[in-house]
Amino acid sequence: MLLLIIAAAVIWRLFLWSRAPHDAPTRSVALSLLSAGLSYPVAMPGGATGIDTVAGDGAAKLVQNVLLLGTVYFLMCFYLYSADGRAARRRARREAVVVTVVAAAIILAAVSVPHEALAGSFSTANMTISQVAFFYAAAGLYLMYALGAAGRWSARYARMSRRPHATGLWMTAIGLGAMAVACVVRAVFVAVRWRGGSVPHQLTAGVAVELVVSSLVFVTGITYSGARARVTATRLWLRRRRDHRRLTPLWQLLIDVYPGNELRPASRGLWDRWRARGVHRRYHRRIVECRDGLLDISPYLVRAEDGTGLLDLEPTQLARRLRLAVPMIKNGVPAPSQGVALAVPQEDDRNADVRQLIAVSDALRLTV
């Protein structure tokens, strides 16, 4: 489940990066998630076994930790580029030197011990070997530093933001803070085991679970506002496709008698019928065509006994008069009066206007 969420987040952020390749914060988030996404398959039993088989025991552990260092470094870069402005590039270079030194140090520690020393997990590693203890402690302390700094920035921005961005930032801050705490606890475990002590398996397993849960909260937080925006956009897309179809009876009747009101579409391709921009464009075009047609046909709906009181007609009454007016127009009967607006809503709102048109269109579907 976590891997699927991370994979979706990585794909989405890479897509955003492709749309803004020169935007430093977007690039930083994409690289951070990409590093995190690559580290999880490496940490899984199948991925670790494959890498260890090819590169030797302990290689998967080394690759995983280097990727995690890259994850938190690029995460820090995101906040630096978002907050520091001109000084961000200089600060990012300094942080790059720090993470490079830490990565080089754990690589040296890893290659200075037998491969089997890092082949196991954190809970089974022999921490009495100084290089092994340094490997885990150095990586953990840098993760604590970077995650803690990013968590503080997230909380500060969350206080300055509004929902839904604030919700996502608070989730991100909580996830980062929990991961930083887990790194501190694991560093304490390393110190205890390096001095020959032991740590109960339940505590080690509990910290591992906390890391997984906090990672899930973090990934959910950084994708929350974007995912919510996509959900909102999808709901709008579905509603406008539905409303476009519901307007078909009214639109078809009006276009049959006034074909010149049909606006030339930007594209007639199948893809344009499904993509968001095409759906919204066709939706607004249909509303304009219906409004133009109603204005043109309105003179034929006036009756002598009610004068020009067309604004008070219910959708069903208007639908009946529309059907009666069609033969008159096709037979060439001249317009008996000036055109007036029809089906005008009481509220000055585009959605209310569309609802009024849909009510007339639905009434046309039910009348013969």
Protein backbone atom coordinates (compact mmCIF):
# COMPACT_ATOMS: atom_id res chain seq x y z
CA MET A 1 0.00 0.00 0.00
CA LEU A 2 2.76 2.44 0.97
CA LEU A 3 4.73 1.56 -2.15
CA LEU A 4 1.69 2.26 -4.36
CA ILE A 5 1.12 5.66 -2.72
CA ILE A 6 4.79 6.58 -3.12
CA ALA A 7 4.77 5.41 -6.76
CA ALA A 8 1.70 7.55 -7.50
CA ALA A 9 3.29 10.54 -5.76
CA VAL A 10 6.54 10.09 -7.71
CA ILE A 11 4.73 9.89 -11.07
CA TRP A 12 2.63 12.95 -10.27
CA ARG A 13 5.60 15.05 -9.17
CA LEU A 14 7.67 13.99 -12.18
CA PHE A 15 4.78 15.08 -14.37
CA LEU A 16 4.69 18.48 -12.65
CA TRP A 17 8.45 18.79 -13.07
CA SER A 18 8.13 18.04 -16.80
CA ARG A 19 5.67 20.94 -17.05
CA ALA A 20 7.99 23.33 -15.20
CA PRO A 21 11.54 22.01 -15.77
CA HIS A 22 13.23 25.21 -14.56
CA ASP A 23 11.24 25.56 -11.33
CA ALA A 24 13.68 24.73 -8.53
CA PRO A 25 11.14 23.87 -5.78
CA THR A 26 9.21 21.55 -8.12
CA ARG A 27 12.44 19.88 -9.21
CA SER A 28 13.52 19.41 -5.58
CA VAL A 29 10.26 17.75 -4.55
CA ALA A 30 10.33 15.48 -7.60
CA LEU A 31 13.91 14.37 -6.90
CA SER A 32 13.14 13.89 -3.20
CA LEU A 33 10.20 11.64 -3.95
CA LEU A 34 12.12 9.82 -6.67
CA SER A 35 14.94 9.04 -4.22
CA ALA A 36 12.42 7.89 -1.62
CA GLY A 37 10.59 5.79 -4.20
CA LEU A 38 13.81 4.08 -5.27
CA SER A 39 14.87 3.40 -1.68
CA TYR A 40 11.78 1.35 -0.83
CA PRO A 41 12.23 -1.39 -3.45
CA VAL A 42 15.88 -1.61 -2.42
CA ALA A 43 14.84 -2.08 1.21
CA MET A 44 12.36 -4.84 0.37
CA PRO A 45 13.61 -8.44 0.66
CA GLY A 46 13.49 -9.15 -3.06
CA GLY A 47 15.28 -5.96 -4.07
CA ALA A 48 17.90 -6.28 -1.34
CA THR A 49 18.64 -9.89 -2.28
CA GLY A 50 19.04 -9.01 -5.96
CA ILE A 51 21.44 -6.12 -5.31
CA ASP A 52 23.45 -8.13 -2.77
CA THR A 53 23.72 -11.00 -5.24
CA VAL A 54 25.13 -8.72 -7.92
CA ALA A 55 27.24 -6.29 -5.85
CA GLY A 56 27.95 -8.29 -2.72
CA ASP A 57 26.43 -8.54 0.73
CA GLY A 58 25.60 -5.20 2.32
CA ALA A 59 25.41 -3.31 -0.99
CA ALA A 60 21.62 -2.97 -0.76
CA LYS A 61 21.89 -1.48 2.72
CA LEU A 62 24.46 1.05 1.49
CA VAL A 63 22.40 2.01 -1.57
CA GLN A 64 19.26 2.39 0.54
CA ASN A 65 20.93 4.75 3.01
CA VAL A 66 22.55 6.87 0.28
CA LEU A 67 19.14 7.21 -1.38
CA LEU A 68 17.60 8.25 1.94
CA LEU A 69 20.29 10.90 2.34
CA GLY A 70 19.39 12.17 -1.13
CA THR A 71 15.70 12.16 -0.20
CA VAL A 72 16.10 14.44 2.79
CA TYR A 73 18.68 16.64 1.04
CA PHE A 74 16.35 17.41 -1.88
CA LEU A 75 13.54 17.94 0.62
CA MET A 76 15.66 20.59 2.35
CA CYS A 77 16.37 22.15 -1.06
CA PHE A 78 12.64 22.50 -1.64
CA TYR A 79 12.27 24.62 1.48
CA LEU A 80 15.45 26.56 0.75
CA TYR A 81 14.32 27.48 -2.76
CA SER A 82 10.84 28.32 -1.49
CA ALA A 83 11.98 30.56 1.37
CA ASP A 84 15.48 31.94 0.93
CA GLY A 85 15.17 33.44 -2.54
CA ARG A 86 18.56 34.58 -3.86
CA ALA A 87 20.48 32.93 -1.05
CA ALA A 88 18.87 29.55 -1.72
CA ARG A 89 21.38 28.39 -4.34
CA ARG A 90 24.35 29.21 -2.10
CA ARG A 91 22.74 27.49 0.90
CA ALA A 92 21.82 24.47 -1.21
CA ARG A 93 25.47 24.14 -2.27
CA ARG A 94 26.59 24.17 1.36
CA GLU A 95 24.05 21.52 2.24
CA ALA A 96 25.20 19.49 -0.78
CA VAL A 97 28.74 19.52 0.63
CA VAL A 98 27.45 18.29 4.00
CA VAL A 99 25.38 15.45 2.55
CA THR A 100 28.26 14.46 0.25
CA VAL A 101 30.63 14.25 3.20
CA VAL A 102 28.16 12.13 5.17
CA ALA A 103 27.55 9.85 2.17
CA ALA A 104 31.29 9.44 1.60
CA ALA A 105 31.83 8.69 5.28
CA ILE A 106 29.23 5.91 5.43
CA ILE A 107 30.54 4.48 2.16
CA LEU A 108 34.06 4.34 3.62
CA ALA A 109 32.70 2.75 6.78
CA ALA A 110 30.81 0.16 4.73
CA VAL A 111 33.76 -0.85 2.56
CA SER A 112 36.14 -1.05 5.55
CA VAL A 113 34.30 -4.00 7.10
CA PRO A 114 33.50 -7.47 5.73
CA HIS A 115 30.46 -7.45 3.46
CA GLU A 116 28.56 -9.72 5.84
CA ALA A 117 28.62 -7.08 8.58
CA LEU A 118 25.96 -5.00 6.83
CA ALA A 119 24.04 -7.87 5.27
CA GLY A 120 21.43 -8.03 8.02
CA SER A 121 18.88 -5.53 9.22
CA PHE A 122 19.28 -2.76 11.78
CA SER A 123 18.04 -5.05 14.54
CA THR A 124 20.54 -7.85 13.73
CA ALA A 125 23.63 -5.78 12.82
CA ASN A 126 26.67 -6.20 15.06
CA MET A 127 26.96 -2.70 16.50
CA THR A 128 30.07 -3.60 18.54
CA ILE A 129 31.97 -3.16 15.27
CA SER A 130 32.79 0.54 15.28
CA GLN A 131 32.43 0.98 11.51
CA VAL A 132 28.96 -0.59 11.56
CA ALA A 133 27.89 1.61 14.48
CA PHE A 134 29.29 4.68 12.70
CA PHE A 135 27.48 3.70 9.48
CA TYR A 136 24.08 3.68 11.19
CA ALA A 137 24.78 6.59 13.54
CA ALA A 138 26.11 8.99 10.88
CA ALA A 139 23.25 8.30 8.48
CA GLY A 140 20.69 8.51 11.28
CA LEU A 141 22.01 11.78 12.70
CA TYR A 142 22.01 13.47 9.30
CA LEU A 143 18.46 12.24 8.67
CA MET A 144 17.46 13.63 12.06
CA TYR A 145 19.01 17.01 11.23
CA ALA A 146 17.45 17.31 7.76
CA LEU A 147 14.04 15.93 8.75
CA GLY A 148 13.85 18.12 11.83
CA ALA A 149 14.69 21.26 9.83
CA ALA A 150 12.16 20.39 7.13
CA GLY A 151 9.53 19.66 9.78
CA ARG A 152 10.02 23.07 11.39
CA TRP A 153 9.70 24.80 8.02
CA SER A 154 6.55 22.81 7.24
CA ALA A 155 4.95 23.77 10.54
CA ARG A 156 5.83 27.44 10.00
CA TYR A 157 4.29 27.46 6.53
CA ALA A 158 1.24 25.56 7.81
CA ARG A 159 0.53 28.34 10.31
CA MET A 160 0.73 30.89 7.49
CA SER A 161 -1.44 28.95 5.03
CA ARG A 162 -5.13 28.25 4.57
CA ARG A 163 -6.90 25.02 3.92
CA PRO A 164 -6.42 22.74 2.05
CA HIS A 165 -2.73 23.68 1.82
CA ALA A 166 -2.48 24.05 5.61
CA THR A 167 -3.88 20.53 6.11
CA GLY A 168 -1.28 19.02 3.80
CA LEU A 169 1.53 21.01 5.41
CA TRP A 170 0.50 19.97 8.93
CA MET A 171 0.46 16.32 7.83
CA THR A 172 3.89 16.82 6.28
CA ALA A 173 5.23 18.46 9.45
CA ILE A 174 3.87 15.67 11.66
CA GLY A 175 5.33 12.99 9.40
CA LEU A 176 8.73 14.68 9.27
CA GLY A 177 8.77 15.29 13.02
CA ALA A 178 7.89 11.68 13.76
CA MET A 179 10.64 10.45 11.42
CA ALA A 180 13.17 12.76 13.08
CA VAL A 181 12.18 11.42 16.52
CA ALA A 182 12.55 7.85 15.23
CA CYS A 183 16.06 8.69 13.98
CA VAL A 184 16.98 10.07 17.40
CA VAL A 185 15.72 6.91 19.11
CA ARG A 186 17.63 4.71 16.69
CA ALA A 187 20.81 6.72 17.32
CA VAL A 188 20.37 6.01 21.04
CA PHE A 189 19.91 2.32 20.24
CA VAL A 190 23.16 2.38 18.22
CA ALA A 191 25.04 3.97 21.13
CA VAL A 192 23.69 1.40 23.61
CA ARG A 193 24.52 -1.56 21.39
CA TRP A 194 27.98 -0.18 20.50
CA ARG A 195 28.83 -0.20 24.20
CA GLY A 196 27.74 -3.83 24.44
CA GLY A 197 24.21 -3.32 25.72
CA SER A 198 21.03 -4.80 24.25
CA VAL A 199 17.75 -3.28 23.11
CA PRO A 200 14.47 -5.22 23.40
CA HIS A 201 13.19 -6.43 20.06
CA GLN A 202 9.79 -4.86 20.75
CA LEU A 203 11.34 -1.38 20.93
CA THR A 204 13.26 -1.86 17.68
CA ALA A 205 10.17 -3.17 15.93
CA GLY A 206 8.07 -0.31 17.32
CA VAL A 207 10.47 2.30 15.94
CA ALA A 208 10.43 0.54 12.55
CA VAL A 209 6.63 0.69 12.50
CA GLU A 210 6.74 4.36 13.46
CA LEU A 211 9.07 5.05 10.52
CA VAL A 212 6.70 3.35 8.10
CA VAL A 213 3.63 5.16 9.44
CA SER A 214 5.35 8.55 9.57
CA SER A 215 6.63 8.04 6.00
CA LEU A 216 3.06 7.37 4.89
CA VAL A 217 1.83 10.51 6.67
CA PHE A 218 4.64 12.55 5.09
CA VAL A 219 3.95 11.33 1.54
CA THR A 220 0.22 11.84 2.02
CA GLY A 221 0.82 15.36 3.28
CA ILE A 222 2.99 16.54 0.40
CA THR A 223 0.49 15.19 -2.13
CA TYR A 224 -2.68 16.17 -0.25
CA SER A 225 -3.35 19.59 -1.76
CA GLY A 226 -2.49 18.43 -5.28
CA ALA A 227 -4.60 15.30 -4.94
CA ARG A 228 -7.51 17.28 -3.54
CA ALA A 229 -7.24 19.75 -6.43
CA ARG A 230 -7.30 16.84 -8.88
CA VAL A 231 -10.38 15.37 -7.18
CA THR A 232 -12.14 18.75 -7.36
CA ALA A 233 -11.17 19.15 -11.02
CA THR A 234 -12.38 15.63 -11.81
CA ARG A 235 -15.73 16.28 -10.14
CA LEU A 236 -16.10 19.49 -12.15
CA TRP A 237 -15.18 17.61 -15.34
CA LEU A 238 -17.78 14.92 -14.65
CA ARG A 239 -20.47 17.47 -13.79
CA ARG A 240 -19.88 19.48 -16.94
CA ARG A 241 -19.91 16.38 -19.13
CA ARG A 242 -23.22 15.41 -17.55
CA ASP A 243 -24.67 18.91 -17.94
CA HIS A 244 -23.48 19.04 -21.55
CA ARG A 245 -25.43 15.86 -22.28
CA ARG A 246 -28.51 17.09 -20.41
CA LEU A 247 -28.57 20.26 -22.53
CA THR A 248 -28.69 18.20 -25.73
CA PRO A 249 -32.52 18.25 -26.25
CA LEU A 250 -32.70 22.05 -25.96
CA TRP A 251 -29.55 22.57 -27.99
CA GLN A 252 -30.68 20.18 -30.74
CA LEU A 253 -34.07 21.87 -31.09
CA LEU A 254 -32.53 25.34 -31.33
CA ILE A 255 -29.72 24.35 -33.72
CA ASP A 256 -32.20 22.65 -36.05
CA VAL A 257 -34.01 25.95 -36.60
CA TYR A 258 -30.99 28.26 -36.25
CA PRO A 259 -27.97 26.29 -37.56
CA GLY A 260 -25.99 29.51 -37.91
CA ASN A 261 -25.79 29.78 -34.10
CA GLU A 262 -23.56 26.73 -33.87
CA LEU A 263 -20.05 27.88 -33.05
CA ARG A 264 -17.15 26.31 -34.90
CA PRO A 265 -15.42 23.82 -32.56
CA ALA A 266 -11.70 24.13 -31.96
CA SER A 267 -11.31 20.41 -32.60
CA ARG A 268 -13.55 17.52 -33.55
CA GLY A 269 -11.09 14.83 -32.50
CA LEU A 270 -12.06 12.03 -30.14
CA TRP A 271 -9.40 13.10 -27.62
CA ASP A 272 -10.93 16.58 -27.39
CA ARG A 273 -14.19 15.02 -26.18
CA TRP A 274 -12.46 13.60 -23.10
CA ARG A 275 -9.64 15.89 -22.07
CA ALA A 276 -10.47 18.54 -19.49
CA ARG A 277 -9.88 21.60 -21.68
CA GLY A 278 -12.04 20.18 -24.46
CA VAL A 279 -14.89 19.26 -22.11
CA HIS A 280 -14.95 22.73 -20.51
CA ARG A 281 -14.79 24.44 -23.89
CA ARG A 282 -17.66 22.37 -25.33
CA TYR A 283 -19.70 22.97 -22.17
CA HIS A 284 -19.39 26.77 -22.34
CA ARG A 285 -19.95 26.76 -26.09
CA ARG A 286 -23.19 24.83 -25.69
CA ILE A 287 -24.47 27.33 -23.09
CA VAL A 288 -23.77 30.24 -25.46
CA GLU A 289 -25.46 28.43 -28.35
CA CYS A 290 -28.53 27.70 -26.23
CA ARG A 291 -28.76 31.29 -25.03
CA ASP A 292 -28.43 32.66 -28.58
CA GLY A 293 -31.07 30.25 -29.84
CA LEU A 294 -33.53 31.12 -27.07
CA LEU A 295 -33.15 34.83 -27.84
CA ASP A 296 -33.79 34.20 -31.53
CA ILE A 297 -36.81 31.96 -30.97
CA SER A 298 -38.40 34.07 -28.22
CA PRO A 299 -40.57 36.25 -30.59
CA TYR A 300 -42.41 33.13 -31.72
CA LEU A 301 -43.37 32.20 -28.15
CA VAL A 302 -45.41 35.33 -27.40
CA ARG A 303 -49.16 34.90 -27.28
CA ALA A 304 -51.68 37.68 -27.60
CA GLU A 305 -53.31 36.89 -24.30
CA ASP A 306 -50.13 37.08 -22.23
CA GLY A 307 -48.22 39.83 -24.06
CA THR A 308 -44.52 39.49 -23.40
CA GLY A 309 -44.79 37.71 -20.05
CA LEU A 310 -42.34 35.00 -21.06
CA LEU A 311 -40.12 35.45 -18.02
CA ASP A 312 -42.80 33.95 -15.78
CA LEU A 313 -43.15 30.71 -17.76
CA GLU A 314 -42.31 27.48 -16.00
CA PRO A 315 -39.81 25.16 -17.77
CA THR A 316 -42.63 22.79 -18.82
CA GLN A 317 -44.71 25.62 -20.32
CA LEU A 318 -41.67 27.02 -22.08
CA ALA A 319 -40.83 23.59 -23.49
CA ARG A 320 -44.32 23.22 -24.97
CA ARG A 321 -44.14 26.64 -26.62
CA LEU A 322 -40.71 25.87 -28.03
CA ARG A 323 -42.05 22.77 -29.75
CA LEU A 324 -44.99 24.73 -31.15
CA ALA A 325 -42.69 27.47 -32.45
CA VAL A 326 -40.46 25.14 -34.48
CA PRO A 327 -43.01 24.51 -37.33
CA MET A 328 -43.68 28.25 -37.58
CA ILE A 329 -40.01 29.01 -38.11
CA LYS A 330 -39.52 26.20 -40.60
CA ASN A 331 -42.57 27.44 -42.57
CA GLY A 332 -41.03 30.90 -42.86
CA VAL A 333 -43.42 32.77 -40.57
CA PRO A 334 -41.85 36.17 -39.79
CA ALA A 335 -41.03 37.04 -36.19
CA PRO A 336 -44.07 38.78 -34.66
CA SER A 337 -42.12 40.81 -32.07
CA GLN A 338 -38.73 41.67 -30.60
CA GLY A 339 -36.63 39.00 -28.95
CA VAL A 340 -36.48 38.75 -25.15
CA ALA A 341 -34.36 36.72 -22.75
CA LEU A 342 -35.88 33.38 -21.70
CA ALA A 343 -35.36 31.05 -18.73
CA VAL A 344 -33.58 33.77 -16.76
CA PRO A 345 -32.70 32.68 -13.20
CA GLN A 346 -33.41 34.88 -10.22
CA GLU A 347 -29.79 34.60 -9.04
CA ASP A 348 -27.03 36.40 -10.93
CA ASP A 349 -24.89 33.31 -11.15
CA ARG A 350 -23.56 31.18 -14.01
CA ASN A 351 -24.44 27.92 -12.28
CA ALA A 352 -28.01 29.13 -11.71
CA ASP A 353 -28.21 30.05 -15.39
CA VAL A 354 -27.11 26.54 -16.38
CA ARG A 355 -29.60 24.95 -13.97
CA GLN A 356 -32.38 26.96 -15.58
CA LEU A 357 -31.37 25.85 -19.07
CA ILE A 358 -31.13 22.23 -17.92
CA ALA A 359 -34.64 22.45 -16.43
CA VAL A 360 -36.01 23.54 -19.82
CA SER A 361 -33.98 20.85 -21.60
CA ASP A 362 -35.26 18.15 -19.24
CA ALA A 363 -38.80 19.37 -19.79
CA LEU A 364 -38.27 19.10 -23.56
CA ARG A 365 -37.12 15.51 -23.12
CA LEU A 366 -40.40 14.68 -21.38
CA THR A 367 -42.72 16.56 -23.76
CA VAL A 368 -43.68 15.39 -27.21
